[in-house]
PDB file of all heavy atoms in Angstrom:
ATOM      1  N   PHE A   1     -13.900  17.520   5.059  1.00  0.00           N
ATOM      2  CA  PHE A   1     -13.538  18.914   5.162  1.00  0.00           C
ATOM      3  C   PHE A   1     -13.658  19.316   6.643  1.00  0.00           C
ATOM      4  O   PHE A   1     -14.096  18.575   7.505  1.00  0.00           O
ATOM      5  CB  PHE A   1     -14.404  19.772   4.321  1.00  0.00           C
ATOM      6  CG  PHE A   1     -15.863  19.854   4.725  1.00  0.00           C
ATOM      7  CD1 PHE A   1     -16.347  20.794   5.599  1.00  0.00           C
ATOM      8  CD2 PHE A   1     -16.805  18.899   4.172  1.00  0.00           C
ATOM      9  CE1 PHE A   1     -17.698  20.840   6.029  1.00  0.00           C
ATOM     10  CE2 PHE A   1     -18.078  18.930   4.661  1.00  0.00           C
ATOM     11  CZ  PHE A   1     -18.619  19.906   5.427  1.00  0.00           C
ATOM     12  N   SER A   2     -13.040  20.502   6.943  1.00  0.00           N
ATOM     13  CA  SER A   2     -12.989  20.954   8.311  1.00  0.00           C
ATOM     14  C   SER A   2     -13.863  22.221   8.393  1.00  0.00           C
ATOM     15  O   SER A   2     -14.033  22.992   7.415  1.00  0.00           O
ATOM     16  CB  SER A   2     -11.615  21.170   8.927  1.00  0.00           C
ATOM     17  OG  SER A   2     -11.008  22.178   8.158  1.00  0.00           O
ATOM     18  N   ILE A   3     -14.364  22.590   9.589  1.00  0.00           N
ATOM     19  CA  ILE A   3     -15.136  23.767   9.808  1.00  0.00           C
ATOM     20  C   ILE A   3     -14.623  24.617  10.946  1.00  0.00           C
ATOM     21  O   ILE A   3     -14.110  24.054  11.943  1.00  0.00           O
ATOM     22  CB  ILE A   3     -16.679  23.468   9.966  1.00  0.00           C
ATOM     23  CG1 ILE A   3     -16.879  22.575  11.204  1.00  0.00           C
ATOM     24  CG2 ILE A   3     -17.290  22.904   8.685  1.00  0.00           C
ATOM     25  CD1 ILE A   3     -18.380  22.360  11.589  1.00  0.00           C
ATOM     26  N   VAL A   4     -14.881  25.852  10.923  1.00  0.00           N
ATOM     27  CA  VAL A   4     -14.758  26.806  11.997  1.00  0.00           C
ATOM     28  C   VAL A   4     -16.017  27.701  11.855  1.00  0.00           C
ATOM     29  O   VAL A   4     -16.588  27.822  10.873  1.00  0.00           O
ATOM     30  CB  VAL A   4     -13.467  27.660  11.968  1.00  0.00           C
ATOM     31  CG1 VAL A   4     -12.199  26.766  11.948  1.00  0.00           C
ATOM     32  CG2 VAL A   4     -13.481  28.612  10.791  1.00  0.00           C
ATOM     33  N   ALA A   5     -16.359  28.241  13.051  1.00  0.00           N
ATOM     34  CA  ALA A   5     -17.506  29.156  13.062  1.00  0.00           C
ATOM     35  C   ALA A   5     -17.046  30.589  13.246  1.00  0.00           C
ATOM     36  O   ALA A   5     -15.989  30.839  13.890  1.00  0.00           O
ATOM     37  CB  ALA A   5     -18.454  28.802  14.203  1.00  0.00           C
ATOM     38  N   ALA A   6     -17.787  31.544  12.696  1.00  0.00           N
ATOM     39  CA  ALA A   6     -17.544  32.951  12.812  1.00  0.00           C
ATOM     40  C   ALA A   6     -18.840  33.642  13.157  1.00  0.00           C
ATOM     41  O   ALA A   6     -19.843  33.346  12.544  1.00  0.00           O
ATOM     42  CB  ALA A   6     -16.998  33.515  11.530  1.00  0.00           C
ATOM     43  N   HIS A   7     -18.758  34.434  14.190  1.00  0.00           N
ATOM     44  CA  HIS A   7     -19.956  35.273  14.587  1.00  0.00           C
ATOM     45  C   HIS A   7     -19.638  36.730  14.685  1.00  0.00           C
ATOM     46  O   HIS A   7     -18.591  37.052  15.245  1.00  0.00           O
ATOM     47  CB  HIS A   7     -20.391  34.686  16.047  1.00  0.00           C
ATOM     48  CG  HIS A   7     -21.587  35.571  16.587  1.00  0.00           C
ATOM     49  ND1 HIS A   7     -22.894  35.281  16.249  1.00  0.00           N
ATOM     50  CD2 HIS A   7     -21.555  36.552  17.486  1.00  0.00           C
ATOM     51  CE1 HIS A   7     -23.617  36.155  16.930  1.00  0.00           C
ATOM     52  NE2 HIS A   7     -22.831  36.995  17.608  1.00  0.00           N
ATOM     53  N   LEU A   8     -20.445  37.474  14.143  1.00  0.00           N
ATOM     54  CA  LEU A   8     -20.293  39.026  14.212  1.00  0.00           C
ATOM     55  C   LEU A   8     -21.418  39.541  15.099  1.00  0.00           C
ATOM     56  O   LEU A   8     -22.572  39.344  14.717  1.00  0.00           O
ATOM     57  CB  LEU A   8     -20.251  39.652  12.762  1.00  0.00           C
ATOM     58  CG  LEU A   8     -19.992  41.196  12.928  1.00  0.00           C
ATOM     59  CD1 LEU A   8     -18.785  41.522  12.123  1.00  0.00           C
ATOM     60  CD2 LEU A   8     -21.197  41.954  12.598  1.00  0.00           C
ATOM     61  N   ASN A   9     -21.129  40.215  16.172  1.00  0.00           N
ATOM     62  CA  ASN A   9     -22.066  40.917  17.032  1.00  0.00           C
ATOM     63  C   ASN A   9     -22.208  42.236  16.433  1.00  0.00           C
ATOM     64  O   ASN A   9     -21.220  42.985  16.472  1.00  0.00           O
ATOM     65  CB  ASN A   9     -21.428  40.867  18.515  1.00  0.00           C
ATOM     66  CG  ASN A   9     -22.493  41.473  19.466  1.00  0.00           C
ATOM     67  OD1 ASN A   9     -23.208  42.357  19.051  1.00  0.00           O
ATOM     68  ND2 ASN A   9     -22.364  41.134  20.755  1.00  0.00           N
ATOM     69  N   HIS A  10     -23.462  42.593  16.026  1.00  0.00           N
ATOM     70  CA  HIS A  10     -23.683  43.961  15.478  1.00  0.00           C
ATOM     71  C   HIS A  10     -23.785  45.046  16.444  1.00  0.00           C
ATOM     72  O   HIS A  10     -23.778  46.167  16.092  1.00  0.00           O
ATOM     73  CB  HIS A  10     -24.940  43.898  14.617  1.00  0.00           C
ATOM     74  CG  HIS A  10     -24.842  43.098  13.394  1.00  0.00           C
ATOM     75  ND1 HIS A  10     -25.167  41.742  13.395  1.00  0.00           N
ATOM     76  CD2 HIS A  10     -24.491  43.393  12.133  1.00  0.00           C
ATOM     77  CE1 HIS A  10     -25.019  41.240  12.177  1.00  0.00           C
ATOM     78  NE2 HIS A  10     -24.612  42.204  11.413  1.00  0.00           N
ATOM     79  N   GLY A  11     -23.852  44.643  17.787  1.00  0.00           N
ATOM     80  CA  GLY A  11     -23.993  45.694  18.853  1.00  0.00           C
ATOM     81  C   GLY A  11     -25.219  46.549  18.692  1.00  0.00           C
ATOM     82  O   GLY A  11     -25.325  47.605  19.174  1.00  0.00           O
ATOM     83  N   LEU A  12     -26.301  45.897  18.183  1.00  0.00           N
ATOM     84  CA  LEU A  12     -27.546  46.674  17.948  1.00  0.00           C
ATOM     85  C   LEU A  12     -28.550  46.395  19.040  1.00  0.00           C
ATOM     86  O   LEU A  12     -29.443  47.260  19.250  1.00  0.00           O
ATOM     87  CB  LEU A  12     -28.131  46.313  16.594  1.00  0.00           C
ATOM     88  CG  LEU A  12     -27.445  46.841  15.336  1.00  0.00           C
ATOM     89  CD1 LEU A  12     -27.911  46.291  14.009  1.00  0.00           C
ATOM     90  CD2 LEU A  12     -27.451  48.433  15.352  1.00  0.00           C
ATOM     91  N   ARG A  13     -28.604  45.199  19.574  1.00  0.00           N
ATOM     92  CA  ARG A  13     -29.717  44.800  20.435  1.00  0.00           C
ATOM     93  C   ARG A  13     -29.131  44.302  21.765  1.00  0.00           C
ATOM     94  O   ARG A  13     -28.017  43.778  21.837  1.00  0.00           O
ATOM     95  CB  ARG A  13     -30.596  43.703  19.838  1.00  0.00           C
ATOM     96  CG  ARG A  13     -31.197  44.050  18.498  1.00  0.00           C
ATOM     97  CD  ARG A  13     -31.893  42.953  17.906  1.00  0.00           C
ATOM     98  NE  ARG A  13     -30.929  41.969  17.300  1.00  0.00           N
ATOM     99  CZ  ARG A  13     -30.823  40.743  17.670  1.00  0.00           C
ATOM    100  NH1 ARG A  13     -31.473  40.246  18.720  1.00  0.00           N
ATOM    101  NH2 ARG A  13     -29.840  39.999  17.165  1.00  0.00           N
ATOM    102  N   PRO A  14     -29.838  44.553  22.907  1.00  0.00           N
ATOM    103  CA  PRO A  14     -29.331  44.053  24.251  1.00  0.00           C
ATOM    104  C   PRO A  14     -29.129  42.548  24.207  1.00  0.00           C
ATOM    105  O   PRO A  14     -28.309  42.148  24.950  1.00  0.00           O
ATOM    106  CB  PRO A  14     -30.488  44.479  25.157  1.00  0.00           C
ATOM    107  CG  PRO A  14     -31.302  45.522  24.442  1.00  0.00           C
ATOM    108  CD  PRO A  14     -31.087  45.233  22.933  1.00  0.00           C
ATOM    109  N   GLU A  15     -29.892  41.826  23.443  1.00  0.00           N
ATOM    110  CA  GLU A  15     -29.788  40.333  23.565  1.00  0.00           C
ATOM    111  C   GLU A  15     -28.564  39.895  22.668  1.00  0.00           C
ATOM    112  O   GLU A  15     -28.180  38.640  22.654  1.00  0.00           O
ATOM    113  CB  GLU A  15     -30.985  39.665  23.056  1.00  0.00           C
ATOM    114  CG  GLU A  15     -31.581  39.940  21.801  1.00  0.00           C
ATOM    115  CD  GLU A  15     -32.521  41.177  21.734  1.00  0.00           C
ATOM    116  OE1 GLU A  15     -32.561  41.975  22.682  1.00  0.00           O
ATOM    117  OE2 GLU A  15     -33.205  41.243  20.738  1.00  0.00           O
ATOM    118  N   ALA A  16     -27.927  40.748  21.927  1.00  0.00           N
ATOM    119  CA  ALA A  16     -26.781  40.361  21.058  1.00  0.00           C
ATOM    120  C   ALA A  16     -25.643  39.588  21.846  1.00  0.00           C
ATOM    121  O   ALA A  16     -25.029  38.674  21.357  1.00  0.00           O
ATOM    122  CB  ALA A  16     -26.223  41.567  20.330  1.00  0.00           C
ATOM    123  N   ALA A  17     -25.387  40.121  23.008  1.00  0.00           N
ATOM    124  CA  ALA A  17     -24.185  39.415  23.811  1.00  0.00           C
ATOM    125  C   ALA A  17     -24.648  38.098  24.156  1.00  0.00           C
ATOM    126  O   ALA A  17     -23.817  37.135  24.195  1.00  0.00           O
ATOM    127  CB  ALA A  17     -23.974  40.263  25.062  1.00  0.00           C
ATOM    128  N   GLY A  18     -26.003  37.808  24.479  1.00  0.00           N
ATOM    129  CA  GLY A  18     -26.460  36.501  24.811  1.00  0.00           C
ATOM    130  C   GLY A  18     -26.389  35.610  23.639  1.00  0.00           C
ATOM    131  O   GLY A  18     -26.026  34.353  23.752  1.00  0.00           O
ATOM    132  N   GLU A  19     -26.739  36.145  22.400  1.00  0.00           N
ATOM    133  CA  GLU A  19     -26.603  35.290  21.158  1.00  0.00           C
ATOM    134  C   GLU A  19     -25.120  34.929  20.873  1.00  0.00           C
ATOM    135  O   GLU A  19     -24.900  33.810  20.493  1.00  0.00           O
ATOM    136  CB  GLU A  19     -27.227  36.134  20.026  1.00  0.00           C
ATOM    137  CG  GLU A  19     -28.721  36.303  20.130  1.00  0.00           C
ATOM    138  CD  GLU A  19     -29.235  37.267  19.133  1.00  0.00           C
ATOM    139  OE1 GLU A  19     -28.461  38.064  18.586  1.00  0.00           O
ATOM    140  OE2 GLU A  19     -30.494  37.364  19.006  1.00  0.00           O
ATOM    141  N   GLU A  20     -24.220  35.880  21.140  1.00  0.00           N
ATOM    142  CA  GLU A  20     -22.828  35.530  20.961  1.00  0.00           C
ATOM    143  C   GLU A  20     -22.416  34.446  21.860  1.00  0.00           C
ATOM    144  O   GLU A  20     -21.744  33.476  21.454  1.00  0.00           O
ATOM    145  CB  GLU A  20     -22.014  36.767  21.141  1.00  0.00           C
ATOM    146  CG  GLU A  20     -20.508  36.563  20.898  1.00  0.00           C
ATOM    147  CD  GLU A  20     -19.707  37.868  21.017  1.00  0.00           C
ATOM    148  OE1 GLU A  20     -20.327  38.990  21.099  1.00  0.00           O
ATOM    149  OE2 GLU A  20     -18.538  37.784  21.073  1.00  0.00           O
ATOM    150  N   LEU A  21     -22.765  34.515  23.062  1.00  0.00           N
ATOM    151  CA  LEU A  21     -22.440  33.475  24.122  1.00  0.00           C
ATOM    152  C   LEU A  21     -23.028  32.094  23.715  1.00  0.00           C
ATOM    153  O   LEU A  21     -22.442  31.134  23.871  1.00  0.00           O
ATOM    154  CB  LEU A  21     -22.909  33.890  25.522  1.00  0.00           C
ATOM    155  CG  LEU A  21     -22.414  32.996  26.620  1.00  0.00           C
ATOM    156  CD1 LEU A  21     -20.934  32.892  26.682  1.00  0.00           C
ATOM    157  CD2 LEU A  21     -22.998  33.539  27.884  1.00  0.00           C
ATOM    158  N   PHE A  22     -24.266  32.175  23.234  1.00  0.00           N
ATOM    159  CA  PHE A  22     -24.994  30.915  22.764  1.00  0.00           C
ATOM    160  C   PHE A  22     -24.212  30.339  21.616  1.00  0.00           C
ATOM    161  O   PHE A  22     -23.944  29.101  21.612  1.00  0.00           O
ATOM    162  CB  PHE A  22     -26.414  31.221  22.278  1.00  0.00           C
ATOM    163  CG  PHE A  22     -27.173  30.095  21.675  1.00  0.00           C
ATOM    164  CD1 PHE A  22     -27.497  28.974  22.407  1.00  0.00           C
ATOM    165  CD2 PHE A  22     -27.395  30.158  20.327  1.00  0.00           C
ATOM    166  CE1 PHE A  22     -28.050  27.915  21.775  1.00  0.00           C
ATOM    167  CE2 PHE A  22     -28.110  29.088  19.657  1.00  0.00           C
ATOM    168  CZ  PHE A  22     -28.395  27.947  20.369  1.00  0.00           C
ATOM    169  N   VAL A  23     -23.711  31.073  20.643  1.00  0.00           N
ATOM    170  CA  VAL A  23     -22.872  30.561  19.630  1.00  0.00           C
ATOM    171  C   VAL A  23     -21.619  29.953  20.143  1.00  0.00           C
ATOM    172  O   VAL A  23     -21.277  28.800  19.747  1.00  0.00           O
ATOM    173  CB  VAL A  23     -22.551  31.680  18.496  1.00  0.00           C
ATOM    174  CG1 VAL A  23     -21.547  31.116  17.566  1.00  0.00           C
ATOM    175  CG2 VAL A  23     -23.939  32.097  17.799  1.00  0.00           C
ATOM    176  N   ILE A  24     -20.918  30.668  20.985  1.00  0.00           N
ATOM    177  CA  ILE A  24     -19.683  30.183  21.562  1.00  0.00           C
ATOM    178  C   ILE A  24     -19.938  28.869  22.258  1.00  0.00           C
ATOM    179  O   ILE A  24     -19.068  27.879  22.085  1.00  0.00           O
ATOM    180  CB  ILE A  24     -19.103  31.255  22.562  1.00  0.00           C
ATOM    181  CG1 ILE A  24     -18.542  32.394  21.713  1.00  0.00           C
ATOM    182  CG2 ILE A  24     -17.943  30.664  23.333  1.00  0.00           C
ATOM    183  CD1 ILE A  24     -18.270  33.637  22.573  1.00  0.00           C
ATOM    184  N   ASN A  25     -20.901  28.781  23.127  1.00  0.00           N
ATOM    185  CA  ASN A  25     -21.285  27.587  23.883  1.00  0.00           C
ATOM    186  C   ASN A  25     -21.634  26.384  23.016  1.00  0.00           C
ATOM    187  O   ASN A  25     -21.234  25.229  23.210  1.00  0.00           O
ATOM    188  CB  ASN A  25     -22.377  27.857  24.898  1.00  0.00           C
ATOM    189  CG  ASN A  25     -21.908  28.727  26.092  1.00  0.00           C
ATOM    190  OD1 ASN A  25     -20.642  28.845  26.384  1.00  0.00           O
ATOM    191  ND2 ASN A  25     -22.807  29.390  26.656  1.00  0.00           N
ATOM    192  N   THR A  26     -22.451  26.646  21.896  1.00  0.00           N
ATOM    193  CA  THR A  26     -22.774  25.563  20.951  1.00  0.00           C
ATOM    194  C   THR A  26     -21.551  25.082  20.313  1.00  0.00           C
ATOM    195  O   THR A  26     -21.378  23.874  20.132  1.00  0.00           O
ATOM    196  CB  THR A  26     -23.785  26.155  19.964  1.00  0.00           C
ATOM    197  OG1 THR A  26     -24.948  26.690  20.642  1.00  0.00           O
ATOM    198  CG2 THR A  26     -24.292  25.082  19.022  1.00  0.00           C
ATOM    199  N   CYS A  27     -20.691  25.931  19.911  1.00  0.00           N
ATOM    200  CA  CYS A  27     -19.460  25.472  19.242  1.00  0.00           C
ATOM    201  C   CYS A  27     -18.559  24.740  20.173  1.00  0.00           C
ATOM    202  O   CYS A  27     -17.996  23.707  19.832  1.00  0.00           O
ATOM    203  CB  CYS A  27     -18.709  26.704  18.690  1.00  0.00           C
ATOM    204  SG  CYS A  27     -19.400  27.539  17.278  1.00  0.00           S
ATOM    205  N   GLN A  28     -18.485  25.187  21.479  1.00  0.00           N
ATOM    206  CA  GLN A  28     -17.620  24.447  22.412  1.00  0.00           C
ATOM    207  C   GLN A  28     -18.227  22.985  22.564  1.00  0.00           C
ATOM    208  O   GLN A  28     -17.467  21.970  22.710  1.00  0.00           O
ATOM    209  CB  GLN A  28     -17.637  25.098  23.792  1.00  0.00           C
ATOM    210  CG  GLN A  28     -16.687  26.254  23.731  1.00  0.00           C
ATOM    211  CD  GLN A  28     -16.677  27.054  25.114  1.00  0.00           C
ATOM    212  OE1 GLN A  28     -17.698  26.971  25.929  1.00  0.00           O
ATOM    213  NE2 GLN A  28     -15.732  27.921  25.249  1.00  0.00           N
TER     214      GLN A  28
END
């Protein structure tokens, strides 16, 4: 099977942008 990742940034916490970048970098 194949996979893609999906991340939703809730815009609630200052560290949310860093978490999003971490997900993007891990996927890359």
